Protein backbone atom coordinates (compact mmCIF):
# COMPACT_ATOMS: atom_id res chain seq x y z
CA MET A 1 -102.15 -109.82 -14.97
CA VAL A 2 -99.48 -108.91 -17.57
CA ALA A 3 -99.17 -105.20 -17.80
CA VAL A 4 -98.26 -103.35 -21.21
CA ASN A 5 -94.89 -101.77 -21.10
CA GLU A 6 -95.30 -97.97 -21.57
CA THR A 7 -92.45 -97.72 -23.71
CA GLN A 8 -94.64 -99.42 -26.46
CA ASN A 9 -97.01 -96.55 -26.48
CA PRO A 10 -94.86 -94.47 -28.82
CA LEU A 11 -95.20 -97.15 -31.49
CA LEU A 12 -98.87 -97.12 -31.46
CA LYS A 13 -98.65 -93.35 -32.12
CA ASP A 14 -96.06 -93.39 -34.82
CA ARG A 15 -96.98 -95.22 -37.93
CA ALA A 16 -93.50 -95.29 -39.65
CA ARG A 17 -91.98 -96.42 -36.46
CA LEU A 18 -94.38 -99.19 -35.88
CA VAL A 19 -94.09 -100.50 -39.60
CA ALA A 20 -90.47 -100.51 -39.49
CA HIS A 21 -90.35 -102.27 -36.11
CA ILE A 22 -92.78 -104.97 -37.42
CA ILE A 23 -90.60 -105.67 -40.43
CA HIS A 24 -87.56 -105.85 -38.16
CA CYS A 25 -89.08 -108.25 -35.78
CA LEU A 26 -90.69 -110.46 -38.45
CA GLY A 27 -87.39 -110.37 -40.56
CA ASP A 28 -85.29 -111.60 -37.49
CA ARG A 29 -87.81 -114.39 -36.68
CA SER A 30 -87.78 -115.78 -40.23
CA ARG A 31 -83.99 -115.73 -40.22
CA GLN A 32 -83.77 -117.45 -36.96
CA GLU A 33 -86.56 -119.97 -37.17
CA LYS A 34 -86.27 -120.76 -40.89
CA PHE A 35 -89.74 -121.84 -40.83
CA TYR A 36 -89.90 -122.34 -44.79
CA ALA A 37 -86.38 -123.97 -44.88
CA ASN A 38 -87.90 -127.31 -46.09
CA TYR A 39 -91.27 -126.06 -47.26
CA GLU A 40 -92.93 -127.95 -49.83
CA ILE A 41 -96.40 -126.61 -50.92
CA GLU A 42 -99.27 -129.01 -49.93
CA TRP A 43 -101.85 -127.60 -52.39
CA ALA A 44 -104.74 -129.60 -50.97
CA THR A 45 -104.27 -128.72 -47.27
CA SER A 46 -102.44 -125.28 -47.30
CA ALA A 47 -104.21 -121.87 -46.92
CA GLY A 48 -102.74 -118.55 -47.31
CA VAL A 49 -104.00 -115.54 -45.00
CA VAL A 50 -103.16 -112.01 -44.49
CA MET A 51 -102.93 -110.67 -41.07
CA LEU A 52 -104.19 -107.07 -42.13
CA LEU A 53 -103.11 -104.17 -40.05
CA GLY A 54 -104.07 -100.38 -40.64
CA ALA A 55 -105.60 -97.27 -39.25
CA GLN A 56 -109.25 -97.55 -38.13
CA PRO A 57 -111.43 -95.21 -40.05
CA ALA A 58 -112.70 -92.20 -38.00
CA GLY A 59 -116.12 -92.74 -36.36
CA ILE A 60 -115.96 -96.48 -36.29
CA GLY A 61 -115.53 -98.50 -33.04
CA ARG A 62 -113.23 -97.54 -30.24
CA GLY A 63 -111.22 -94.60 -31.63
CA ALA A 64 -108.35 -94.02 -33.85
CA GLY A 65 -105.17 -96.03 -33.83
CA PRO A 66 -103.55 -99.04 -35.50
CA CYS A 67 -105.83 -101.93 -35.72
CA VAL A 68 -106.07 -105.60 -36.87
CA VAL A 69 -108.61 -105.77 -39.63
CA LEU A 70 -110.56 -108.94 -39.70
CA ASN A 71 -113.64 -110.66 -41.35
CA LYS A 72 -116.65 -111.98 -39.51
CA ARG A 73 -117.96 -114.99 -41.14
CA SER A 74 -121.42 -115.05 -42.49
CA SER A 75 -124.05 -117.84 -41.47
CA LYS A 76 -123.59 -119.34 -45.13
CA VAL A 77 -120.04 -120.61 -44.65
CA ARG A 78 -118.38 -123.02 -42.06
CA GLN A 79 -117.40 -121.59 -38.66
CA PRO A 80 -120.22 -118.87 -38.88
CA GLY A 81 -119.63 -115.94 -36.63
CA ASP A 82 -115.88 -116.47 -36.05
CA LEU A 83 -113.56 -113.77 -36.73
CA CYS A 84 -110.66 -114.61 -39.25
CA PHE A 85 -108.18 -113.03 -41.56
CA PRO A 86 -109.07 -112.94 -45.29
CA GLY A 87 -107.57 -115.79 -47.03
CA GLY A 88 -108.22 -119.38 -48.25
CA ARG A 89 -106.98 -122.45 -50.03
CA LEU A 90 -104.29 -122.22 -52.69
CA ALA A 91 -105.39 -122.24 -56.36
CA PRO A 92 -102.62 -124.08 -58.16
CA ARG A 93 -103.26 -122.73 -61.69
CA VAL A 94 -103.85 -118.97 -60.57
CA ASP A 95 -101.77 -118.24 -57.56
CA PRO A 96 -98.15 -119.04 -59.11
CA ILE A 97 -98.99 -116.42 -61.78
CA LEU A 98 -100.27 -113.83 -59.42
CA ALA A 99 -97.15 -114.46 -57.31
CA ARG A 100 -94.81 -113.51 -60.00
CA LEU A 101 -96.85 -110.24 -60.31
CA PHE A 102 -96.85 -109.48 -56.67
CA SER A 103 -93.19 -110.44 -56.24
CA LEU A 104 -91.34 -108.29 -58.71
CA PRO A 105 -88.77 -106.10 -57.25
CA PHE A 106 -90.84 -102.87 -57.26
CA THR A 107 -93.60 -104.59 -55.33
CA SER A 108 -93.86 -104.88 -51.38
CA PRO A 109 -92.71 -108.57 -50.97
CA GLY A 110 -90.20 -108.01 -53.72
CA ARG A 111 -88.59 -105.16 -51.83
CA TRP A 112 -88.65 -107.45 -48.60
CA HIS A 113 -86.97 -110.30 -50.43
CA HIS A 114 -84.46 -108.01 -52.14
CA ARG A 115 -83.30 -106.12 -48.95
CA GLY A 116 -81.30 -109.14 -47.69
CA ASN A 117 -83.93 -111.49 -46.19
CA ARG A 118 -83.64 -113.72 -49.04
CA ARG A 119 -80.18 -114.89 -48.31
CA HIS A 120 -81.18 -116.28 -45.09
CA CYS A 121 -83.83 -118.42 -46.61
CA HIS A 122 -83.82 -121.70 -48.48
CA SER A 123 -83.92 -121.18 -52.08
CA ARG A 124 -87.71 -122.38 -52.37
CA ALA A 125 -88.80 -120.21 -49.37
CA PRO A 126 -89.17 -116.78 -51.41
CA LYS A 127 -91.32 -118.60 -54.00
CA ALA A 128 -93.39 -120.41 -51.35
CA MET A 129 -94.02 -117.14 -49.57
CA SER A 130 -95.01 -115.19 -52.77
CA ILE A 131 -97.47 -117.83 -53.58
CA LEU A 132 -99.08 -117.87 -50.20
CA TRP A 133 -98.99 -113.92 -50.29
CA ALA A 134 -100.79 -114.05 -53.55
CA THR A 135 -103.35 -116.52 -52.18
CA GLY A 136 -104.22 -114.27 -49.40
CA LEU A 137 -104.46 -111.17 -51.54
CA ARG A 138 -106.71 -112.90 -54.28
CA GLU A 139 -109.02 -114.19 -51.44
CA SER A 140 -109.00 -110.69 -49.79
CA LEU A 141 -110.01 -109.16 -53.10
CA GLU A 142 -113.00 -111.59 -53.35
CA GLU A 143 -114.01 -111.42 -49.67
CA MET A 144 -113.90 -107.71 -48.89
CA ARG A 145 -112.74 -106.10 -52.11
CA LEU A 146 -109.21 -105.22 -50.75
CA ASN A 147 -107.07 -103.60 -53.15
CA PRO A 148 -104.04 -106.10 -53.58
CA PHE A 149 -101.76 -103.17 -54.59
CA GLY A 150 -102.55 -101.12 -51.69
CA VAL A 151 -101.04 -103.49 -49.10
CA ARG A 152 -97.57 -103.38 -47.91
CA PHE A 153 -95.95 -106.74 -47.22
CA LEU A 154 -94.34 -106.70 -43.75
CA GLY A 155 -93.28 -110.38 -43.41
CA PRO A 156 -94.31 -113.85 -42.67
CA MET A 157 -95.51 -115.53 -39.33
CA PRO A 158 -95.03 -119.10 -38.40
CA PRO A 159 -97.59 -121.43 -39.59
CA GLN A 160 -100.70 -122.78 -37.62
CA SER A 161 -102.30 -126.13 -37.85
CA LEU A 162 -105.99 -126.24 -37.65
CA VAL A 163 -107.70 -128.55 -34.97
CA MET A 164 -111.05 -129.06 -36.35
CA PHE A 165 -109.89 -129.36 -40.10
CA LYS A 166 -107.04 -130.90 -41.88
CA ARG A 167 -105.30 -127.75 -42.78
CA THR A 168 -102.25 -125.71 -42.39
CA ILE A 169 -102.49 -121.73 -42.32
CA TYR A 170 -99.59 -119.64 -43.41
CA PRO A 171 -100.20 -116.16 -42.38
CA MET A 172 -98.62 -113.13 -43.96
CA VAL A 173 -98.71 -109.64 -42.21
CA GLY A 174 -99.65 -106.60 -44.31
CA TRP A 175 -100.41 -102.99 -44.00
CA ILE A 176 -103.17 -101.41 -45.61
CA ASN A 177 -101.89 -97.96 -46.95
CA ARG A 178 -104.93 -95.84 -47.88
CA GLN A 179 -107.99 -97.92 -48.38
CA LYS A 180 -110.92 -97.01 -45.78
CA ARG A 181 -113.94 -98.66 -47.19
CA PHE A 182 -114.45 -102.36 -47.90
CA PHE A 183 -117.37 -104.13 -49.62
CA PRO A 184 -117.76 -107.65 -48.00
CA ASN A 185 -119.23 -110.51 -50.19
CA TRP A 186 -121.61 -113.19 -49.17
CA GLU A 187 -118.93 -115.10 -47.16
CA VAL A 188 -118.37 -112.10 -44.77
CA GLU A 189 -121.16 -110.71 -42.25
CA LYS A 190 -119.09 -107.58 -41.58
CA ILE A 191 -115.57 -106.04 -41.27
CA VAL A 192 -114.25 -105.81 -37.53
CA TYR A 193 -111.38 -103.62 -36.39
CA LEU A 194 -109.53 -104.69 -33.18
CA PRO A 195 -107.41 -101.89 -32.06
CA LEU A 196 -103.80 -102.90 -31.13
CA LYS A 197 -104.13 -100.94 -27.76
CA ASP A 198 -107.05 -103.22 -26.76
CA LEU A 199 -105.36 -106.43 -27.95
CA LEU A 200 -102.32 -105.27 -25.53
CA ASN A 201 -104.90 -104.88 -22.57
CA PRO A 202 -104.89 -108.11 -20.31
CA GLU A 203 -108.47 -106.92 -19.18
CA TYR A 204 -110.07 -108.03 -22.53
CA TYR A 205 -108.79 -111.60 -22.26
CA ARG A 206 -111.19 -114.36 -21.21
CA ARG A 207 -111.55 -118.21 -20.86
CA TYR A 208 -114.06 -119.27 -23.52
CA ARG A 209 -116.00 -122.26 -22.39
CA LEU A 210 -117.66 -123.97 -25.30
CA ARG A 211 -120.26 -126.61 -25.30
CA MET A 212 -120.19 -128.55 -28.37
CA GLU A 213 -123.48 -130.38 -29.35
CA THR A 214 -124.65 -132.94 -31.95
CA SER A 215 -127.98 -133.28 -33.62
CA PRO A 216 -130.80 -134.97 -31.74
CA ASP A 217 -131.04 -137.72 -34.24
CA ARG A 218 -127.63 -138.87 -33.14
CA GLY A 219 -128.61 -139.08 -29.43
CA PRO A 220 -127.91 -136.61 -26.68
CA SER A 221 -124.14 -135.80 -26.81
CA GLN A 222 -122.10 -132.83 -25.85
CA THR A 223 -118.48 -131.95 -24.89
CA ILE A 224 -117.17 -129.02 -23.04
CA GLN A 225 -113.83 -127.48 -23.99
CA GLU A 226 -112.10 -124.35 -22.88
CA TYR A 227 -110.03 -122.00 -25.03
CA PRO A 228 -108.17 -118.79 -24.27
CA CYS A 229 -109.94 -115.84 -26.14
CA PHE A 230 -109.96 -112.15 -26.53
CA ARG A 231 -113.43 -110.29 -26.10
CA ILE A 232 -114.53 -106.64 -26.70
CA GLU A 233 -118.02 -105.94 -25.35
CA ALA A 234 -119.83 -102.68 -26.06
CA PRO A 235 -123.50 -101.75 -25.62
CA ASP A 236 -124.30 -102.32 -29.38
CA TYR A 237 -121.92 -105.31 -30.16
CA GLN A 238 -119.64 -108.08 -28.72
CA GLU A 239 -116.77 -109.84 -30.65
CA ILE A 240 -114.73 -112.94 -29.55
CA LEU A 241 -111.55 -113.72 -30.99
CA TRP A 242 -110.34 -117.38 -30.60
CA GLY A 243 -109.04 -120.51 -32.23
CA ALA A 244 -106.20 -120.28 -35.01
CA THR A 245 -106.86 -116.59 -35.50
CA TYR A 246 -106.28 -115.95 -31.85
CA ARG A 247 -103.08 -117.89 -31.84
CA ILE A 248 -101.68 -116.17 -34.81
CA THR A 249 -102.55 -112.75 -33.21
CA ILE A 250 -101.01 -113.73 -29.82
CA ASP A 251 -97.75 -114.82 -31.58
CA PHE A 252 -97.74 -111.42 -33.48
CA LEU A 253 -98.22 -109.48 -30.19
CA GLU A 254 -95.51 -111.37 -28.50
CA LEU A 255 -93.18 -111.08 -31.25
CA VAL A 256 -93.58 -107.43 -31.81
CA PHE A 257 -94.55 -106.10 -28.51
CA GLY A 258 -93.32 -108.81 -26.03
CA PHE A 259 -96.96 -109.39 -24.84
CA LYS A 260 -98.38 -112.46 -23.31
CA PRO A 261 -102.02 -112.65 -22.16
CA PRO A 262 -102.75 -113.96 -18.60
CA ALA A 263 -102.65 -117.71 -18.14
CA ILE A 264 -106.02 -119.35 -19.05
CA GLU A 265 -106.75 -120.47 -15.58
CA THR A 266 -106.79 -117.00 -14.18
CA LEU A 267 -109.21 -115.66 -16.60
CA PRO A 268 -113.13 -115.10 -16.21
CA VAL A 269 -115.23 -117.44 -18.09
CA VAL A 270 -117.49 -116.69 -21.05
CA GLU A 271 -119.93 -119.40 -22.28
CA GLY A 272 -120.58 -120.54 -25.92
CA VAL A 273 -122.25 -123.08 -27.81
CA LEU A 274 -121.29 -124.89 -31.04
CA ASP A 275 -123.71 -127.35 -33.09
CA GLU A 276 -123.11 -129.22 -36.09
CA SER A 277 -123.74 -126.23 -38.42
CA TYR A 278 -120.54 -124.81 -37.21
CA LEU A 279 -118.61 -127.18 -39.34
CA THR A 280 -120.81 -126.92 -42.38
CA GLY A 281 -122.55 -123.51 -42.33
CA ASN A 282 -126.29 -122.69 -42.98
CA LYS A 283 -126.60 -122.70 -46.73
């Protein structure tokens, strides 16, 4: 398995150094790859999400330290039980207005653009990123009551195309400054904290063997597919991170920490089942 370099440990213990390092890494990647260079917003098929980072509240989960903060989808929405970043589809009438508010020079993304990153991007890139950041913050406020003015913009990540839905996800990375309590709405079962130290531990990675079943009225039919995943198991809970959220997270870990999970063929297998309600939700 891939070992975590011990020189990374000081970053996990020093918030200021970690945040500065993330900003530097994301800024370099956005300049080199220019993945917004020719970006035109496809309003119907684009989604903006926020990869939230922050300190884990005392007394929750597996101890203190910087974490990725995720939503666990409720049974009332599509993909129930999955871990995901807060966010959703763009709102053409609302998000451009919010983008102006969230991108002023004194705001977090405004400072990011005006520190020199802007000159390395296509002229449309700052506007596109601002709209997608606004989308993620608006949805985060709705889903978990995240204070949109209490999140520091750290930079953009490359987009991800969904396999089961015709949609492209545009992730933005943000750091939660002070907020410690969230209030999930009906779309969210609970808030889940995944410590970075655990995400950087190869022992928590698995091969997710999913059996996908159709309803009996369509006749017996099932397919089996395997995906890499991250799993944490404790006496009172188990969480599995897979799919597009997993891919975005792994992109982040590789970019910021140089971490790659073990090859999927070497990983222990965990079993799972998906039926048709996975695509529709149980409303």
